[in-house]
Amino acid sequence: MSIVLPGERAPAQHVNLKLGPGLLQAPNGSSSTNRTAPSIFATRAGTLNHSANGSKWWVESNARRYVPAAQESVVGVVVQKQGEGFRVDIGSAHSANLDGLAFEGATKRNKPNLKVGSLVYARVSSAHKDMEPELECFDAQTRKAEGFGELKGGFLVRCSLRLCRQLLDPKHFLLPLLGSLFPLEIAVGLNGRIWINSQDAKRIIAIAQVIEAADPDAQGMGESDIRTLLEDLNRKWMFE
């Protein structure tokens, strides 16, 4: 992990390289016979991160507004029906487009009937600075839903972009801890939105409070403080 500034070259190399927010591949003007590694540059200041196998690279910054990136999972709110699809608010500068056929098993006669205000868990299929982002509600490899689609019931928690990325790290303590204490359904969007659902309202409220307390842009509680908070909530709500 290192600090990068806009215009600084990033050492991102992998046979299946995928670039996330804050990184851009510069056009290579060399001939097709030249097999040199592509030039990757940072477009914003922050910490340079990569996945365990080095195939995914991104820049983590203290940005408040989500910038869509291809293949990222997001939680969106349907704001408009248009033609054969929907306009979805994902917290970026522009609304995203979601085609009515971009669902598992969807046909022209059998499409989801989403209403304005409905929540969806979707994948960014296309993102370009000069175009509105496109969404799909199925996995790019299997073409199956794999958890994507309409989110029914539950509660939407808004948090920092940093926390969302942390929660998708299998080594992060919070989600395994919550899952060991509550029946839990959760959809983490990299756009600063987390959908949660549980057995009843008091458990949903408790989970939301814990997630907000763990947000590094808010209280930023660590594991020991979170356990103490959960004990306090258990005494207050008397979870069985």
C-alpha atoms as a PDB file:
ATOM      1  CA  MET A   1       0.000   0.000   0.000  1.00  0.00           C
ATOM      2  CA  SER A   2       1.449   3.379  -1.034  1.00  0.00           C
ATOM      3  CA  ILE A   3       0.338   6.967  -1.541  1.00  0.00           C
ATOM      4  CA  VAL A   4      -0.158   8.151  -5.133  1.00  0.00           C
ATOM      5  CA  LEU A   5      -0.879  11.572  -6.630  1.00  0.00           C
ATOM      6  CA  PRO A   6      -2.735  12.429  -9.872  1.00  0.00           C
ATOM      7  CA  GLY A   7      -0.510  11.709 -12.865  1.00  0.00           C
ATOM      8  CA  GLU A   8       1.773   9.371 -10.939  1.00  0.00           C
ATOM      9  CA  ARG A   9       2.510   6.002 -12.507  1.00  0.00           C
ATOM     10  CA  ALA A  10       1.166   2.934 -10.695  1.00  0.00           C
ATOM     11  CA  PRO A  11       3.021  -0.431 -10.743  1.00  0.00           C
ATOM     12  CA  ALA A  12      -0.117  -2.366 -11.678  1.00  0.00           C
ATOM     13  CA  GLN A  13       0.703  -5.509 -13.660  1.00  0.00           C
ATOM     14  CA  HIS A  14      -1.221  -8.751 -14.114  1.00  0.00           C
ATOM     15  CA  VAL A  15      -2.229 -11.018 -16.975  1.00  0.00           C
ATOM     16  CA  ASN A  16      -5.911 -10.370 -16.123  1.00  0.00           C
ATOM     17  CA  LEU A  17      -5.497  -6.806 -14.891  1.00  0.00           C
ATOM     18  CA  LYS A  18      -8.673  -4.975 -13.814  1.00  0.00           C
ATOM     19  CA  LEU A  19      -8.533  -1.299 -12.899  1.00  0.00           C
ATOM     20  CA  GLY A  20     -10.857   0.215 -10.329  1.00  0.00           C
ATOM     21  CA  PRO A  21     -11.564   3.822  -9.348  1.00  0.00           C
ATOM     22  CA  GLY A  22      -8.688   6.273  -9.496  1.00  0.00           C
ATOM     23  CA  LEU A  23      -6.610   4.464 -12.135  1.00  0.00           C
ATOM     24  CA  LEU A  24      -6.433   4.898 -15.897  1.00  0.00           C
ATOM     25  CA  GLN A  25      -4.561   3.027 -18.584  1.00  0.00           C
ATOM     26  CA  ALA A  26      -2.766   5.399 -20.934  1.00  0.00           C
ATOM     27  CA  PRO A  27      -3.041   4.755 -24.700  1.00  0.00           C
ATOM     28  CA  ASN A  28      -0.007   2.839 -25.923  1.00  0.00           C
ATOM     29  CA  GLY A  29       1.355   4.419 -29.060  1.00  0.00           C
ATOM     30  CA  SER A  30       3.883   1.702 -29.717  1.00  0.00           C
ATOM     31  CA  SER A  31       3.541  -0.943 -32.408  1.00  0.00           C
ATOM     32  CA  SER A  32       1.552  -4.120 -31.887  1.00  0.00           C
ATOM     33  CA  THR A  33       4.786  -6.145 -31.784  1.00  0.00           C
ATOM     34  CA  ASN A  34       5.919  -4.297 -28.675  1.00  0.00           C
ATOM     35  CA  ARG A  35       4.795  -6.329 -25.678  1.00  0.00           C
ATOM     36  CA  THR A  36       5.751  -3.839 -22.987  1.00  0.00           C
ATOM     37  CA  ALA A  37       3.502  -3.539 -19.946  1.00  0.00           C
ATOM     38  CA  PRO A  38       0.695  -0.966 -20.220  1.00  0.00           C
ATOM     39  CA  SER A  39       1.186   2.404 -18.537  1.00  0.00           C
ATOM     40  CA  ILE A  40      -1.194   2.849 -15.604  1.00  0.00           C
ATOM     41  CA  PHE A  41      -1.590   6.287 -14.025  1.00  0.00           C
ATOM     42  CA  ALA A  42      -3.449   7.574 -10.998  1.00  0.00           C
ATOM     43  CA  THR A  43      -6.241  10.077 -11.646  1.00  0.00           C
ATOM     44  CA  ARG A  44      -6.724  11.109  -8.013  1.00  0.00           C
ATOM     45  CA  ALA A  45      -4.783  11.253  -4.769  1.00  0.00           C
ATOM     46  CA  GLY A  46      -5.081   8.418  -2.295  1.00  0.00           C
ATOM     47  CA  THR A  47      -3.688   5.059  -1.248  1.00  0.00           C
ATOM     48  CA  LEU A  48      -2.943   2.490  -3.944  1.00  0.00           C
ATOM     49  CA  ASN A  49      -4.520  -0.894  -3.181  1.00  0.00           C
ATOM     50  CA  HIS A  50      -4.701  -4.251  -4.919  1.00  0.00           C
ATOM     51  CA  SER A  51      -6.346  -7.627  -4.405  1.00  0.00           C
ATOM     52  CA  ALA A  52      -4.501 -10.589  -2.907  1.00  0.00           C
ATOM     53  CA  ASN A  53      -3.546 -12.005  -6.317  1.00  0.00           C
ATOM     54  CA  GLY A  54      -2.707  -8.585  -7.782  1.00  0.00           C
ATOM     55  CA  SER A  55      -5.348  -8.729 -10.530  1.00  0.00           C
ATOM     56  CA  LYS A  56      -7.449  -5.802  -9.244  1.00  0.00           C
ATOM     57  CA  TRP A  57      -5.994  -2.378  -8.487  1.00  0.00           C
ATOM     58  CA  TRP A  58      -7.666   0.804  -7.274  1.00  0.00           C
ATOM     59  CA  VAL A  59      -7.007   4.067  -5.445  1.00  0.00           C
ATOM     60  CA  GLU A  60      -8.686   4.522  -2.068  1.00  0.00           C
ATOM     61  CA  SER A  61      -9.409   8.178  -1.360  1.00  0.00           C
ATOM     62  CA  ASN A  62     -11.595  10.217   0.940  1.00  0.00           C
ATOM     63  CA  ALA A  63     -14.064  10.984  -1.854  1.00  0.00           C
ATOM     64  CA  ARG A  64     -17.660  11.670  -0.863  1.00  0.00           C
ATOM     65  CA  ARG A  65     -19.274  11.053  -4.254  1.00  0.00           C
ATOM     66  CA  TYR A  66     -19.203   7.644  -5.862  1.00  0.00           C
ATOM     67  CA  VAL A  67     -17.491   7.381  -9.248  1.00  0.00           C
ATOM     68  CA  PRO A  68     -18.816   4.313 -11.140  1.00  0.00           C
ATOM     69  CA  ALA A  69     -16.327   1.667 -12.217  1.00  0.00           C
ATOM     70  CA  ALA A  70     -17.054  -1.394 -14.341  1.00  0.00           C
ATOM     71  CA  GLN A  71     -17.788  -4.674 -12.524  1.00  0.00           C
ATOM     72  CA  GLU A  72     -18.436  -2.999  -9.157  1.00  0.00           C
ATOM     73  CA  SER A  73     -21.540  -3.940  -7.162  1.00  0.00           C
ATOM     74  CA  VAL A  74     -23.881  -1.105  -6.169  1.00  0.00           C
ATOM     75  CA  VAL A  75     -27.151  -0.613  -4.315  1.00  0.00           C
ATOM     76  CA  GLY A  76     -29.438   1.681  -6.298  1.00  0.00           C
ATOM     77  CA  VAL A  77     -32.857   3.283  -5.994  1.00  0.00           C
ATOM     78  CA  VAL A  78     -35.231   3.265  -8.970  1.00  0.00           C
ATOM     79  CA  VAL A  79     -36.149   6.879  -9.687  1.00  0.00           C
ATOM     80  CA  GLN A  80     -37.921   6.579 -13.040  1.00  0.00           C
ATOM     81  CA  LYS A  81     -39.400   4.099 -15.492  1.00  0.00           C
ATOM     82  CA  GLN A  82     -38.380   4.736 -19.081  1.00  0.00           C
ATOM     83  CA  GLY A  83     -39.366   2.662 -22.086  1.00  0.00           C
ATOM     84  CA  GLU A  84     -38.099  -0.868 -21.585  1.00  0.00           C
ATOM     85  CA  GLY A  85     -35.952  -0.055 -18.561  1.00  0.00           C
ATOM     86  CA  PHE A  86     -35.369   2.060 -15.510  1.00  0.00           C
ATOM     87  CA  ARG A  87     -33.349   5.031 -14.289  1.00  0.00           C
ATOM     88  CA  VAL A  88     -31.490   4.213 -11.086  1.00  0.00           C
ATOM     89  CA  ASP A  89     -29.855   6.537  -8.567  1.00  0.00           C
ATOM     90  CA  ILE A  90     -26.517   5.052  -7.462  1.00  0.00           C
ATOM     91  CA  GLY A  91     -25.137   8.163  -5.781  1.00  0.00           C
ATOM     92  CA  SER A  92     -22.949   9.227  -8.704  1.00  0.00           C
ATOM     93  CA  ALA A  93     -23.075  12.455 -10.677  1.00  0.00           C
ATOM     94  CA  HIS A  94     -25.539  10.898 -13.155  1.00  0.00           C
ATOM     95  CA  SER A  95     -28.279   8.301 -12.821  1.00  0.00           C
ATOM     96  CA  ALA A  96     -27.595   4.855 -14.249  1.00  0.00           C
ATOM     97  CA  ASN A  97     -29.594   2.942 -16.852  1.00  0.00           C
ATOM     98  CA  LEU A  98     -30.972  -0.512 -16.054  1.00  0.00           C
ATOM     99  CA  ASP A  99     -32.496  -2.417 -18.949  1.00  0.00           C
ATOM    100  CA  GLY A 100     -35.620  -4.424 -18.197  1.00  0.00           C
ATOM    101  CA  LEU A 101     -33.965  -7.470 -19.775  1.00  0.00           C
ATOM    102  CA  ALA A 102     -30.817  -7.206 -17.632  1.00  0.00           C
ATOM    103  CA  PHE A 103     -32.145  -9.747 -15.122  1.00  0.00           C
ATOM    104  CA  GLU A 104     -31.790 -13.509 -14.958  1.00  0.00           C
ATOM    105  CA  GLY A 105     -34.456 -15.174 -17.098  1.00  0.00           C
ATOM    106  CA  ALA A 106     -36.018 -11.871 -18.181  1.00  0.00           C
ATOM    107  CA  THR A 107     -37.846 -11.754 -21.533  1.00  0.00           C
ATOM    108  CA  LYS A 108     -39.966  -9.145 -23.252  1.00  0.00           C
ATOM    109  CA  ARG A 109     -43.061 -10.835 -21.828  1.00  0.00           C
ATOM    110  CA  ASN A 110     -41.565 -11.599 -18.431  1.00  0.00           C
ATOM    111  CA  LYS A 111     -39.737  -8.596 -16.978  1.00  0.00           C
ATOM    112  CA  PRO A 112     -39.469  -7.420 -13.365  1.00  0.00           C
ATOM    113  CA  ASN A 113     -42.067  -4.841 -12.444  1.00  0.00           C
ATOM    114  CA  LEU A 114     -39.948  -2.422 -10.434  1.00  0.00           C
ATOM    115  CA  LYS A 115     -41.647   0.627  -8.988  1.00  0.00           C
ATOM    116  CA  VAL A 116     -40.193   4.052  -8.288  1.00  0.00           C
ATOM    117  CA  GLY A 117     -38.463   3.782  -4.917  1.00  0.00           C
ATOM    118  CA  SER A 118     -37.566   0.099  -5.296  1.00  0.00           C
ATOM    119  CA  LEU A 119     -34.072  -0.944  -4.239  1.00  0.00           C
ATOM    120  CA  VAL A 120     -31.889  -3.045  -6.531  1.00  0.00           C
ATOM    121  CA  TYR A 121     -28.542  -4.739  -6.067  1.00  0.00           C
ATOM    122  CA  ALA A 122     -26.766  -4.481  -9.397  1.00  0.00           C
ATOM    123  CA  ARG A 123     -23.407  -4.682 -11.151  1.00  0.00           C
ATOM    124  CA  VAL A 124     -21.947  -1.800 -13.144  1.00  0.00           C
ATOM    125  CA  SER A 125     -21.551  -3.285 -16.618  1.00  0.00           C
ATOM    126  CA  SER A 126     -20.322  -0.119 -18.322  1.00  0.00           C
ATOM    127  CA  ALA A 127     -18.824   3.077 -16.919  1.00  0.00           C
ATOM    128  CA  HIS A 128     -17.302   5.940 -18.903  1.00  0.00           C
ATOM    129  CA  LYS A 129     -16.752   9.546 -17.946  1.00  0.00           C
ATOM    130  CA  ASP A 130     -18.639  10.764 -21.036  1.00  0.00           C
ATOM    131  CA  MET A 131     -21.566   8.338 -20.797  1.00  0.00           C
ATOM    132  CA  GLU A 132     -24.181   7.386 -18.247  1.00  0.00           C
ATOM    133  CA  PRO A 133     -23.345   4.145 -16.411  1.00  0.00           C
ATOM    134  CA  GLU A 134     -25.129   0.925 -17.329  1.00  0.00           C
ATOM    135  CA  LEU A 135     -26.286  -1.667 -14.801  1.00  0.00           C
ATOM    136  CA  GLU A 136     -27.049  -5.385 -14.936  1.00  0.00           C
ATOM    137  CA  CYS A 137     -28.652  -7.623 -12.327  1.00  0.00           C
ATOM    138  CA  PHE A 138     -26.799 -10.852 -13.081  1.00  0.00           C
ATOM    139  CA  ASP A 139     -23.267 -12.193 -12.823  1.00  0.00           C
ATOM    140  CA  ALA A 140     -21.127 -11.477 -15.875  1.00  0.00           C
ATOM    141  CA  GLN A 141     -19.674 -15.021 -15.957  1.00  0.00           C
ATOM    142  CA  THR A 142     -22.598 -17.274 -15.077  1.00  0.00           C
ATOM    143  CA  ARG A 143     -25.451 -15.040 -16.304  1.00  0.00           C
ATOM    144  CA  LYS A 144     -27.236 -16.059 -13.087  1.00  0.00           C
ATOM    145  CA  ALA A 145     -28.653 -13.671 -10.508  1.00  0.00           C
ATOM    146  CA  GLU A 146     -26.048 -14.617  -7.851  1.00  0.00           C
ATOM    147  CA  GLY A 147     -27.758 -12.326  -5.332  1.00  0.00           C
ATOM    148  CA  PHE A 148     -28.365  -9.443  -7.739  1.00  0.00           C
ATOM    149  CA  GLY A 149     -31.870  -8.103  -8.323  1.00  0.00           C
ATOM    150  CA  GLU A 150     -34.602  -6.360  -6.360  1.00  0.00           C
ATOM    151  CA  LEU A 151     -34.052  -5.972  -2.622  1.00  0.00           C
ATOM    152  CA  LYS A 152     -37.324  -6.404  -0.763  1.00  0.00           C
ATOM    153  CA  GLY A 153     -37.920  -5.241   2.791  1.00  0.00           C
ATOM    154  CA  GLY A 154     -34.955  -4.501   5.015  1.00  0.00           C
ATOM    155  CA  PHE A 155     -33.286  -1.158   5.582  1.00  0.00           C
ATOM    156  CA  LEU A 156     -30.775   0.968   3.650  1.00  0.00           C
ATOM    157  CA  VAL A 157     -27.711   2.247   5.525  1.00  0.00           C
ATOM    158  CA  ARG A 158     -25.625   5.041   4.008  1.00  0.00           C
ATOM    159  CA  CYS A 159     -21.949   5.072   4.926  1.00  0.00           C
ATOM    160  CA  SER A 160     -18.532   6.035   3.594  1.00  0.00           C
ATOM    161  CA  LEU A 161     -17.091   4.496   0.439  1.00  0.00           C
ATOM    162  CA  ARG A 162     -14.101   3.383   2.502  1.00  0.00           C
ATOM    163  CA  LEU A 163     -16.218   1.282   4.862  1.00  0.00           C
ATOM    164  CA  CYS A 164     -17.940  -0.491   1.963  1.00  0.00           C
ATOM    165  CA  ARG A 165     -14.596  -1.594   0.527  1.00  0.00           C
ATOM    166  CA  GLN A 166     -13.426  -2.695   3.974  1.00  0.00           C
ATOM    167  CA  LEU A 167     -16.536  -4.841   4.483  1.00  0.00           C
ATOM    168  CA  LEU A 168     -15.853  -6.733   1.247  1.00  0.00           C
ATOM    169  CA  ASP A 169     -12.475  -7.806   2.642  1.00  0.00           C
ATOM    170  CA  PRO A 170     -12.941 -11.372   4.030  1.00  0.00           C
ATOM    171  CA  LYS A 171     -10.461 -10.524   6.797  1.00  0.00           C
ATOM    172  CA  HIS A 172     -12.552  -7.658   8.159  1.00  0.00           C
ATOM    173  CA  PHE A 173     -14.112  -8.513  11.517  1.00  0.00           C
ATOM    174  CA  LEU A 174     -17.519  -6.826  11.284  1.00  0.00           C
ATOM    175  CA  LEU A 175     -19.676  -9.004   9.016  1.00  0.00           C
ATOM    176  CA  PRO A 176     -18.532 -12.367  10.502  1.00  0.00           C
ATOM    177  CA  LEU A 177     -19.200 -10.925  13.966  1.00  0.00           C
ATOM    178  CA  LEU A 178     -22.701  -9.729  13.069  1.00  0.00           C
ATOM    179  CA  GLY A 179     -23.466 -12.987  11.273  1.00  0.00           C
ATOM    180  CA  SER A 180     -22.557 -14.977  14.371  1.00  0.00           C
ATOM    181  CA  LEU A 181     -25.032 -12.995  16.499  1.00  0.00           C
ATOM    182  CA  PHE A 182     -27.983 -12.245  14.202  1.00  0.00           C
ATOM    183  CA  PRO A 183     -29.804 -13.890  11.301  1.00  0.00           C
ATOM    184  CA  LEU A 184     -28.534 -11.541   8.630  1.00  0.00           C
ATOM    185  CA  GLU A 185     -29.057 -10.681   4.970  1.00  0.00           C
ATOM    186  CA  ILE A 186     -26.767  -8.003   3.597  1.00  0.00           C
ATOM    187  CA  ALA A 187     -25.875  -6.431   0.247  1.00  0.00           C
ATOM    188  CA  VAL A 188     -22.805  -4.199   0.262  1.00  0.00           C
ATOM    189  CA  GLY A 189     -22.654  -1.658  -2.537  1.00  0.00           C
ATOM    190  CA  LEU A 190     -19.360   0.041  -3.295  1.00  0.00           C
ATOM    191  CA  ASN A 191     -21.316   3.281  -3.739  1.00  0.00           C
ATOM    192  CA  GLY A 192     -21.622   3.912  -0.008  1.00  0.00           C
ATOM    193  CA  ARG A 193     -24.891   2.036   0.520  1.00  0.00           C
ATOM    194  CA  ILE A 194     -25.510  -1.139   2.476  1.00  0.00           C
ATOM    195  CA  TRP A 195     -28.847  -2.976   2.496  1.00  0.00           C
ATOM    196  CA  ILE A 196     -29.557  -5.080   5.585  1.00  0.00           C
ATOM    197  CA  ASN A 197     -32.386  -7.365   6.661  1.00  0.00           C
ATOM    198  CA  SER A 198     -32.903  -9.511   9.725  1.00  0.00           C
ATOM    199  CA  GLN A 199     -35.488 -11.320  11.826  1.00  0.00           C
ATOM    200  CA  ASP A 200     -37.257  -8.242  13.173  1.00  0.00           C
ATOM    201  CA  ALA A 201     -37.074  -4.448  13.361  1.00  0.00           C
ATOM    202  CA  LYS A 202     -35.028  -4.227  16.561  1.00  0.00           C
ATOM    203  CA  ARG A 203     -32.288  -6.435  15.131  1.00  0.00           C
ATOM    204  CA  ILE A 204     -32.231  -4.402  11.923  1.00  0.00           C
ATOM    205  CA  ILE A 205     -31.865  -1.203  13.978  1.00  0.00           C
ATOM    206  CA  ALA A 206     -29.056  -2.741  16.036  1.00  0.00           C
ATOM    207  CA  ILE A 207     -27.159  -3.889  12.936  1.00  0.00           C
ATOM    208  CA  ALA A 208     -27.535  -0.442  11.364  1.00  0.00           C
ATOM    209  CA  GLN A 209     -26.186   1.244  14.516  1.00  0.00           C
ATOM    210  CA  VAL A 210     -23.184  -1.080  14.614  1.00  0.00           C
ATOM    211  CA  ILE A 211     -22.349  -0.495  10.945  1.00  0.00           C
ATOM    212  CA  GLU A 212     -22.569   3.273  11.412  1.00  0.00           C
ATOM    213  CA  ALA A 213     -20.359   3.070  14.515  1.00  0.00           C
ATOM    214  CA  ALA A 214     -17.689   1.133  12.604  1.00  0.00           C
ATOM    215  CA  ASP A 215     -17.545   3.705   9.796  1.00  0.00           C
ATOM    216  CA  PRO A 216     -14.030   5.236   9.758  1.00  0.00           C
ATOM    217  CA  ASP A 217     -15.545   8.557   8.659  1.00  0.00           C
ATOM    218  CA  ALA A 218     -17.770   8.595  11.772  1.00  0.00           C
ATOM    219  CA  GLN A 219     -16.883   7.019  15.135  1.00  0.00           C
ATOM    220  CA  GLY A 220     -14.513   4.489  13.572  1.00  0.00           C
ATOM    221  CA  MET A 221     -14.869   1.933  16.367  1.00  0.00           C
ATOM    222  CA  GLY A 222     -12.559  -1.069  16.421  1.00  0.00           C
ATOM    223  CA  GLU A 223     -13.481  -4.676  17.146  1.00  0.00           C
ATOM    224  CA  SER A 224     -13.311  -4.395  20.964  1.00  0.00           C
ATOM    225  CA  ASP A 225     -15.471  -1.252  21.008  1.00  0.00           C
ATOM    226  CA  ILE A 226     -17.976  -2.854  18.644  1.00  0.00           C
ATOM    227  CA  ARG A 227     -18.277  -5.890  20.933  1.00  0.00           C
ATOM    228  CA  THR A 228     -18.940  -3.559  23.856  1.00  0.00           C
ATOM    229  CA  LEU A 229     -21.591  -1.731  21.825  1.00  0.00           C
ATOM    230  CA  LEU A 230     -23.251  -5.043  20.936  1.00  0.00           C
ATOM    231  CA  GLU A 231     -23.358  -6.024  24.611  1.00  0.00           C
ATOM    232  CA  ASP A 232     -25.019  -2.689  25.430  1.00  0.00           C
ATOM    233  CA  LEU A 233     -27.562  -3.170  22.642  1.00  0.00           C
ATOM    234  CA  ASN A 234     -28.246  -6.715  23.842  1.00  0.00           C
ATOM    235  CA  ARG A 235     -29.035  -5.445  27.346  1.00  0.00           C
ATOM    236  CA  LYS A 236     -31.267  -2.741  25.884  1.00  0.00           C
ATOM    237  CA  TRP A 237     -33.176  -4.879  23.384  1.00  0.00           C
ATOM    238  CA  MET A 238     -32.773  -8.280  25.099  1.00  0.00           C
ATOM    239  CA  PHE A 239     -32.115 -10.328  21.953  1.00  0.00           C
ATOM    240  CA  GLU A 240     -32.913 -13.985  22.310  1.00  0.00           C
END
